[in-house]
Amino acid sequence: MIEYTNSEIQAVINEYIHSERDRDILKRRLIDGIRYEQLAEEFDLSVRQVKNIVYKNGDRVLLRCAGNCTKIS
């Protein structure tokens, strides 16, 4: 499994995700590991909405990381 540093993931999120809310949700999920239920409560969204945001944007972030980030061995 390929791993990336938190700072690399955060840099990609900041560069490629334009919605501030979506950036915050992705950081909390991908970097902090916060559960969907907690994120839904924190951002006043449904769990389904949070999952959609993470799925929609998470692939984009990971694809960018694959091309731009340093792998941790």
Protein backbone atom coordinates (compact mmCIF):
# COMPACT_ATOMS: atom_id res chain seq x y z
CA MET A 1 0.00 0.00 0.00
CA ILE A 2 1.32 3.43 -0.93
CA GLU A 3 1.26 6.10 1.77
CA TYR A 4 1.72 9.84 1.48
CA THR A 5 2.60 12.40 4.12
CA ASN A 6 -0.18 14.47 5.62
CA SER A 7 1.45 17.64 4.34
CA GLU A 8 1.47 16.28 0.78
CA ILE A 9 -2.20 15.31 0.98
CA GLN A 10 -3.07 18.69 2.46
CA ALA A 11 -1.18 20.53 -0.30
CA VAL A 12 -3.04 18.61 -3.01
CA ILE A 13 -6.40 19.23 -1.31
CA ASN A 14 -5.64 22.95 -1.06
CA GLU A 15 -4.62 23.17 -4.70
CA TYR A 16 -7.30 21.07 -6.41
CA ILE A 17 -10.43 21.31 -4.23
CA HIS A 18 -12.07 24.69 -4.67
CA SER A 19 -14.91 24.51 -2.14
CA GLU A 20 -13.73 25.51 1.33
CA ARG A 21 -16.30 23.19 2.95
CA ASP A 22 -15.18 20.24 0.82
CA ARG A 23 -11.52 20.97 1.60
CA ASP A 24 -12.26 20.99 5.32
CA ILE A 25 -14.24 17.74 5.11
CA LEU A 26 -11.53 15.99 3.11
CA LYS A 27 -8.79 17.10 5.49
CA ARG A 28 -10.77 15.95 8.50
CA ARG A 29 -11.49 12.57 6.86
CA LEU A 30 -8.25 11.80 5.00
CA ILE A 31 -5.74 13.36 7.40
CA ASP A 32 -7.47 13.29 10.81
CA GLY A 33 -9.43 10.06 10.20
CA ILE A 34 -12.71 11.44 11.52
CA ARG A 35 -15.72 9.16 10.93
CA TYR A 36 -18.49 10.09 8.48
CA GLU A 37 -21.06 10.38 11.26
CA GLN A 38 -18.94 12.86 13.19
CA LEU A 39 -18.26 14.90 10.05
CA ALA A 40 -21.97 15.01 9.23
CA GLU A 41 -22.72 16.41 12.66
CA GLU A 42 -19.82 18.86 12.57
CA PHE A 43 -20.77 20.27 9.15
CA ASP A 44 -24.55 19.98 9.62
CA LEU A 45 -24.92 17.57 6.69
CA SER A 46 -26.32 14.08 6.28
CA VAL A 47 -23.94 11.13 6.38
CA ARG A 48 -24.82 10.46 2.71
CA GLN A 49 -23.81 14.03 1.75
CA VAL A 50 -20.47 13.70 3.54
CA LYS A 51 -19.77 10.35 1.86
CA ASN A 52 -20.60 11.83 -1.54
CA ILE A 53 -18.19 14.73 -0.95
CA VAL A 54 -15.40 12.37 0.12
CA TYR A 55 -15.97 9.91 -2.72
CA LYS A 56 -16.32 12.63 -5.36
CA ASN A 57 -13.19 14.50 -4.32
CA GLY A 58 -11.11 11.80 -2.64
CA ASP A 59 -10.29 10.03 -5.90
CA ARG A 60 -9.19 13.32 -7.42
CA VAL A 61 -6.87 14.00 -4.49
CA LEU A 62 -5.37 10.51 -4.51
CA LEU A 63 -4.82 10.61 -8.28
CA ARG A 64 -3.02 13.95 -7.94
CA CYS A 65 -0.94 12.55 -5.07
CA ALA A 66 0.02 9.56 -7.19
CA GLY A 67 1.50 11.91 -9.75
CA ASN A 68 2.97 14.55 -7.46
CA CYS A 69 3.70 13.16 -4.00
CA THR A 70 6.62 11.24 -2.55
CA LYS A 71 5.86 7.68 -1.51
CA ILE A 72 6.64 6.58 2.03
CA SER A 73 8.34 3.18 2.12
